[in-house]
Structure formats: structure tokens, C-alpha cells
């Protein structure tokens, strides 16, 4: 069986295609890492994810709340490797959604305790987000969504996300 799609019909113009099905979501992300133990020390040791399964020294699957895995970490193509150079394509960041502002505050306190610097922090109106890098220099966004009825809208009802500073003192104090 061939896995090529060259015999399929061309896709219709993207402007006229129907929307993706309601309920579709991103299930998990797999990250290529240089050192599995170092990656686990960040995602499990600092952020608090749970190790669900490990495949020797090559791969691990981690989750929050008992899901089969939210993040896969592997060294299959990257053992001892270095991050991609600036100006190259690839993953910009993975985003981890926290259920409440207090939970995001806990994440911020964990980062501070571990000495992990932030690349930035933004209040987007719909959410508050922290931006940082893991030990392999993968971009990571940690955020919480405000309730939908609090999302800022334009006068004609469209979403009006912005980029304001986050009060990190207030966030760190959130319990």
C-alpha cells in the first residue's frame, strides 16, 4: 500500500471549503529532545506533569490528570542534538492551558523557584500567557483562558485580542 497522495484529486479552493468539524482538537504534541532525562526534569520536575509511560532512554509520554499523554518526548532523531537555528522553520511553541488563574499562578511560582526565565508575558484579553523556553529551547506558552463571556469584542461583535502586560506580582500571589 502506498502512502502517497499524488493520485488524489486536487483540493478545492480553501476559501470555498467547509469548516472543520466541531469538536476537533489538538490531541498531543511530540517534541524531539536532545536529552530525555533533562526534558523530564523540566516537564515533570518543574511543571509537574506525570510520567505515564517510558520507553527506555528514547521516549517518554507525560500527562496531566491521567490522560494517556499530552506530550511525547523522544530522542529518536535528536539524541545529543542542538536546537534549530534562528530563522528556520519548525514549532514556534507548544501551549499548555491551565484551568484557572490560580493554577497558572502556581506554574509561575514553580518557574521562579527553578530559576526559569520568561521570554515574555501577555494579557490577550481572552487569556493571560507566560512565554518561556524548555531546556531544549522549544518555545512553551503557559496560559489560562478567561470565561468566554469576558472575552473582549469589537463594536461589531468580532474578537478583539490584544497584547497588554500581565501583572506578574498579582499572578504569582494568586491562590
C-alpha atoms as a PDB file:
ATOM      1  CA  UNK A   1       0.000   0.000   0.000  1.00  0.00           C
ATOM      2  CA  UNK A   2       1.365   3.371  -0.994  1.00  0.00           C
ATOM      3  CA  UNK A   3       1.158   6.337   1.334  1.00  0.00           C
ATOM      4  CA  UNK A   4       1.402   8.882  -1.455  1.00  0.00           C
ATOM      5  CA  UNK A   5      -1.463  11.190  -2.240  1.00  0.00           C
ATOM      6  CA  UNK A   6      -0.394  12.154  -5.751  1.00  0.00           C
ATOM      7  CA  UNK A   7      -3.326  10.286  -7.324  1.00  0.00           C
ATOM      8  CA  UNK A   8      -5.960  12.126  -5.293  1.00  0.00           C
ATOM      9  CA  UNK A   9      -7.975  14.937  -6.798  1.00  0.00           C
ATOM     10  CA  UNK A  10      -6.696  18.462  -6.116  1.00  0.00           C
ATOM     11  CA  UNK A  11      -8.193  20.112  -3.079  1.00  0.00           C
ATOM     12  CA  UNK A  12     -10.859  22.749  -3.656  1.00  0.00           C
ATOM     13  CA  UNK A  13     -10.042  26.409  -3.204  1.00  0.00           C
ATOM     14  CA  UNK A  14      -9.512  26.904   0.586  1.00  0.00           C
ATOM     15  CA  UNK A  15     -11.854  29.901   0.597  1.00  0.00           C
ATOM     16  CA  UNK A  16     -14.780  27.730  -0.501  1.00  0.00           C
ATOM     17  CA  UNK A  17     -14.130  24.645   1.663  1.00  0.00           C
ATOM     18  CA  UNK A  18     -16.445  23.834   4.538  1.00  0.00           C
ATOM     19  CA  UNK A  19     -15.221  24.359   8.119  1.00  0.00           C
ATOM     20  CA  UNK A  20     -13.608  21.595  10.099  1.00  0.00           C
ATOM     21  CA  UNK A  21     -15.967  19.560  12.301  1.00  0.00           C
ATOM     22  CA  UNK A  22     -16.991  20.952  15.687  1.00  0.00           C
ATOM     23  CA  UNK A  23     -15.158  19.167  18.452  1.00  0.00           C
ATOM     24  CA  UNK A  24     -11.893  18.683  16.581  1.00  0.00           C
ATOM     25  CA  UNK A  25      -8.983  19.449  18.905  1.00  0.00           C
ATOM     26  CA  UNK A  26      -5.245  19.083  19.132  1.00  0.00           C
ATOM     27  CA  UNK A  27      -4.639  15.824  20.967  1.00  0.00           C
ATOM     28  CA  UNK A  28      -0.948  15.943  21.889  1.00  0.00           C
ATOM     29  CA  UNK A  29       2.427  17.211  20.802  1.00  0.00           C
ATOM     30  CA  UNK A  30       5.632  15.205  20.327  1.00  0.00           C
ATOM     31  CA  UNK A  31       8.891  17.030  20.942  1.00  0.00           C
ATOM     32  CA  UNK A  32      12.310  15.999  19.715  1.00  0.00           C
ATOM     33  CA  UNK A  33      14.715  16.466  22.624  1.00  0.00           C
ATOM     34  CA  UNK A  34      18.468  16.050  22.993  1.00  0.00           C
ATOM     35  CA  UNK A  35      18.388  14.502  26.479  1.00  0.00           C
ATOM     36  CA  UNK A  36      15.326  12.648  27.762  1.00  0.00           C
ATOM     37  CA  UNK A  37      16.246  12.944  31.468  1.00  0.00           C
ATOM     38  CA  UNK A  38      16.762  16.696  31.124  1.00  0.00           C
ATOM     39  CA  UNK A  39      13.413  17.076  29.327  1.00  0.00           C
ATOM     40  CA  UNK A  40      11.652  15.047  32.031  1.00  0.00           C
ATOM     41  CA  UNK A  41      13.246  17.212  34.720  1.00  0.00           C
ATOM     42  CA  UNK A  42      11.625  20.254  33.086  1.00  0.00           C
ATOM     43  CA  UNK A  43       8.164  18.931  32.194  1.00  0.00           C
ATOM     44  CA  UNK A  44       7.686  16.626  35.211  1.00  0.00           C
ATOM     45  CA  UNK A  45      10.075  18.061  37.779  1.00  0.00           C
ATOM     46  CA  UNK A  46       9.311  21.757  37.271  1.00  0.00           C
ATOM     47  CA  UNK A  47       5.917  21.970  35.560  1.00  0.00           C
ATOM     48  CA  UNK A  48       4.508  18.924  37.362  1.00  0.00           C
ATOM     49  CA  UNK A  49       3.329  16.689  34.506  1.00  0.00           C
ATOM     50  CA  UNK A  50       3.036  12.993  35.351  1.00  0.00           C
ATOM     51  CA  UNK A  51       5.111  10.317  33.649  1.00  0.00           C
ATOM     52  CA  UNK A  52       2.620   7.888  32.073  1.00  0.00           C
ATOM     53  CA  UNK A  53       4.929   5.620  30.114  1.00  0.00           C
ATOM     54  CA  UNK A  54       8.598   5.409  29.356  1.00  0.00           C
ATOM     55  CA  UNK A  55      10.324   3.617  26.512  1.00  0.00           C
ATOM     56  CA  UNK A  56      13.860   3.146  27.785  1.00  0.00           C
ATOM     57  CA  UNK A  57      16.117   6.124  27.220  1.00  0.00           C
ATOM     58  CA  UNK A  58      14.470   7.028  23.914  1.00  0.00           C
ATOM     59  CA  UNK A  59      10.941   8.207  24.679  1.00  0.00           C
ATOM     60  CA  UNK A  60       8.517   9.169  27.422  1.00  0.00           C
ATOM     61  CA  UNK A  61       4.848  10.107  27.482  1.00  0.00           C
ATOM     62  CA  UNK A  62       3.561  12.582  30.058  1.00  0.00           C
ATOM     63  CA  UNK A  63       0.160  13.938  31.003  1.00  0.00           C
ATOM     64  CA  UNK A  64      -1.928  15.995  33.353  1.00  0.00           C
ATOM     65  CA  UNK A  65      -4.935  14.459  35.066  1.00  0.00           C
ATOM     66  CA  UNK A  66      -4.498  10.890  33.893  1.00  0.00           C
ATOM     67  CA  UNK A  67      -4.906  11.409  30.129  1.00  0.00           C
ATOM     68  CA  UNK A  68      -2.881   8.889  28.074  1.00  0.00           C
ATOM     69  CA  UNK A  69      -0.449  11.642  27.082  1.00  0.00           C
ATOM     70  CA  UNK A  70      -0.415  15.326  26.330  1.00  0.00           C
ATOM     71  CA  UNK A  71       3.273  15.492  25.466  1.00  0.00           C
ATOM     72  CA  UNK A  72       5.536  12.892  23.943  1.00  0.00           C
ATOM     73  CA  UNK A  73       9.272  13.414  24.388  1.00  0.00           C
ATOM     74  CA  UNK A  74      11.680  11.474  22.220  1.00  0.00           C
ATOM     75  CA  UNK A  75      15.323  11.297  21.146  1.00  0.00           C
ATOM     76  CA  UNK A  76      14.691   9.166  18.049  1.00  0.00           C
ATOM     77  CA  UNK A  77      16.144  11.768  15.673  1.00  0.00           C
ATOM     78  CA  UNK A  78      17.650  14.223  18.143  1.00  0.00           C
ATOM     79  CA  UNK A  79      19.816  12.462  20.778  1.00  0.00           C
ATOM     80  CA  UNK A  80      22.575  14.905  21.716  1.00  0.00           C
ATOM     81  CA  UNK A  81      21.330  17.345  19.081  1.00  0.00           C
ATOM     82  CA  UNK A  82      21.101  21.102  19.195  1.00  0.00           C
ATOM     83  CA  UNK A  83      18.068  23.366  18.732  1.00  0.00           C
ATOM     84  CA  UNK A  84      17.246  24.558  15.214  1.00  0.00           C
ATOM     85  CA  UNK A  85      18.977  27.811  14.349  1.00  0.00           C
ATOM     86  CA  UNK A  86      17.040  31.085  14.375  1.00  0.00           C
ATOM     87  CA  UNK A  87      15.374  31.772  11.056  1.00  0.00           C
ATOM     88  CA  UNK A  88      14.467  28.129  10.432  1.00  0.00           C
ATOM     89  CA  UNK A  89      11.035  26.571  10.293  1.00  0.00           C
ATOM     90  CA  UNK A  90       9.544  24.337  12.948  1.00  0.00           C
ATOM     91  CA  UNK A  91       7.485  24.529  16.087  1.00  0.00           C
ATOM     92  CA  UNK A  92       7.101  28.096  17.372  1.00  0.00           C
ATOM     93  CA  UNK A  93       5.753  26.970  20.729  1.00  0.00           C
ATOM     94  CA  UNK A  94       3.510  24.471  22.390  1.00  0.00           C
ATOM     95  CA  UNK A  95       0.720  25.904  24.519  1.00  0.00           C
ATOM     96  CA  UNK A  96      -0.349  24.408  27.821  1.00  0.00           C
ATOM     97  CA  UNK A  97      -3.760  25.542  29.084  1.00  0.00           C
ATOM     98  CA  UNK A  98      -4.294  25.821  32.835  1.00  0.00           C
ATOM     99  CA  UNK A  99      -7.864  25.599  34.166  1.00  0.00           C
ATOM    100  CA  UNK A 100      -7.694  28.710  36.379  1.00  0.00           C
ATOM    101  CA  UNK A 101      -5.648  31.824  37.025  1.00  0.00           C
ATOM    102  CA  UNK A 102      -4.604  30.288  40.366  1.00  0.00           C
ATOM    103  CA  UNK A 103      -3.213  27.215  38.563  1.00  0.00           C
ATOM    104  CA  UNK A 104      -1.248  29.490  36.213  1.00  0.00           C
ATOM    105  CA  UNK A 105      -0.013  31.371  39.291  1.00  0.00           C
ATOM    106  CA  UNK A 106       1.245  28.051  40.674  1.00  0.00           C
ATOM    107  CA  UNK A 107       3.100  27.428  37.402  1.00  0.00           C
ATOM    108  CA  UNK A 108       4.702  30.881  37.642  1.00  0.00           C
ATOM    109  CA  UNK A 109       5.837  30.173  41.208  1.00  0.00           C
ATOM    110  CA  UNK A 110       7.360  26.855  40.036  1.00  0.00           C
ATOM    111  CA  UNK A 111       9.271  28.669  37.269  1.00  0.00           C
ATOM    112  CA  UNK A 112      10.547  31.297  39.705  1.00  0.00           C
ATOM    113  CA  UNK A 113      11.657  28.615  42.198  1.00  0.00           C
ATOM    114  CA  UNK A 114      13.524  26.761  39.422  1.00  0.00           C
ATOM    115  CA  UNK A 115      15.135  29.951  38.074  1.00  0.00           C
ATOM    116  CA  UNK A 116      13.493  29.570  34.645  1.00  0.00           C
ATOM    117  CA  UNK A 117      13.392  32.970  32.919  1.00  0.00           C
ATOM    118  CA  UNK A 118      10.377  34.197  30.994  1.00  0.00           C
ATOM    119  CA  UNK A 119      10.706  35.347  27.384  1.00  0.00           C
ATOM    120  CA  UNK A 120       7.552  37.401  27.900  1.00  0.00           C
ATOM    121  CA  UNK A 121       4.076  37.590  29.375  1.00  0.00           C
ATOM    122  CA  UNK A 122       0.943  38.958  27.722  1.00  0.00           C
ATOM    123  CA  UNK A 123      -2.648  39.638  28.639  1.00  0.00           C
ATOM    124  CA  UNK A 124      -4.508  38.935  25.402  1.00  0.00           C
ATOM    125  CA  UNK A 125      -7.917  39.835  26.803  1.00  0.00           C
ATOM    126  CA  UNK A 126      -9.122  36.276  26.235  1.00  0.00           C
ATOM    127  CA  UNK A 127      -6.236  34.864  28.251  1.00  0.00           C
ATOM    128  CA  UNK A 128      -3.124  35.601  30.268  1.00  0.00           C
ATOM    129  CA  UNK A 129       0.014  33.909  28.957  1.00  0.00           C
ATOM    130  CA  UNK A 130       3.591  33.273  30.036  1.00  0.00           C
ATOM    131  CA  UNK A 131       6.222  32.567  27.378  1.00  0.00           C
ATOM    132  CA  UNK A 132       9.443  30.672  28.039  1.00  0.00           C
ATOM    133  CA  UNK A 133      11.786  28.024  26.669  1.00  0.00           C
ATOM    134  CA  UNK A 134      12.334  24.467  27.842  1.00  0.00           C
ATOM    135  CA  UNK A 135      15.853  23.050  28.246  1.00  0.00           C
ATOM    136  CA  UNK A 136      15.950  22.168  24.517  1.00  0.00           C
ATOM    137  CA  UNK A 137      14.958  25.737  23.609  1.00  0.00           C
ATOM    138  CA  UNK A 138      11.476  24.712  22.474  1.00  0.00           C
ATOM    139  CA  UNK A 139       9.048  27.589  22.913  1.00  0.00           C
ATOM    140  CA  UNK A 140       6.448  26.994  25.637  1.00  0.00           C
ATOM    141  CA  UNK A 141       3.339  29.049  26.364  1.00  0.00           C
ATOM    142  CA  UNK A 142       1.574  28.561  29.694  1.00  0.00           C
ATOM    143  CA  UNK A 143      -1.843  30.246  29.861  1.00  0.00           C
ATOM    144  CA  UNK A 144      -5.360  30.276  31.241  1.00  0.00           C
ATOM    145  CA  UNK A 145      -8.464  31.342  29.328  1.00  0.00           C
ATOM    146  CA  UNK A 146     -10.888  33.812  30.827  1.00  0.00           C
ATOM    147  CA  UNK A 147     -14.541  32.753  30.709  1.00  0.00           C
ATOM    148  CA  UNK A 148     -15.890  33.291  27.205  1.00  0.00           C
ATOM    149  CA  UNK A 149     -18.409  35.904  28.345  1.00  0.00           C
ATOM    150  CA  UNK A 150     -15.445  38.085  29.407  1.00  0.00           C
ATOM    151  CA  UNK A 151     -13.644  37.991  26.056  1.00  0.00           C
ATOM    152  CA  UNK A 152     -13.233  41.468  24.554  1.00  0.00           C
ATOM    153  CA  UNK A 153     -15.233  42.143  21.401  1.00  0.00           C
ATOM    154  CA  UNK A 154     -15.152  44.923  18.838  1.00  0.00           C
ATOM    155  CA  UNK A 155     -18.233  47.084  18.309  1.00  0.00           C
ATOM    156  CA  UNK A 156     -19.386  44.734  15.543  1.00  0.00           C
ATOM    157  CA  UNK A 157     -19.011  41.607  17.695  1.00  0.00           C
ATOM    158  CA  UNK A 158     -15.651  40.253  16.493  1.00  0.00           C
ATOM    159  CA  UNK A 159     -12.975  39.036  18.874  1.00  0.00           C
ATOM    160  CA  UNK A 160     -10.579  41.823  19.895  1.00  0.00           C
ATOM    161  CA  UNK A 161      -7.485  40.153  21.324  1.00  0.00           C
ATOM    162  CA  UNK A 162      -4.679  42.409  22.429  1.00  0.00           C
ATOM    163  CA  UNK A 163      -1.256  42.308  23.969  1.00  0.00           C
ATOM    164  CA  UNK A 164      -1.101  44.058  27.320  1.00  0.00           C
ATOM    165  CA  UNK A 165       1.339  43.355  30.152  1.00  0.00           C
ATOM    166  CA  UNK A 166       0.479  40.715  32.754  1.00  0.00           C
ATOM    167  CA  UNK A 167       0.658  41.758  36.396  1.00  0.00           C
ATOM    168  CA  UNK A 168       3.162  39.062  37.376  1.00  0.00           C
ATOM    169  CA  UNK A 169       3.103  40.046  41.077  1.00  0.00           C
ATOM    170  CA  UNK A 170      -0.670  39.569  41.185  1.00  0.00           C
ATOM    171  CA  UNK A 171      -0.443  36.335  39.208  1.00  0.00           C
ATOM    172  CA  UNK A 172       2.252  34.893  41.496  1.00  0.00           C
ATOM    173  CA  UNK A 173       0.109  35.777  44.534  1.00  0.00           C
ATOM    174  CA  UNK A 174      -2.997  34.073  43.090  1.00  0.00           C
ATOM    175  CA  UNK A 175      -4.041  31.056  45.190  1.00  0.00           C
END
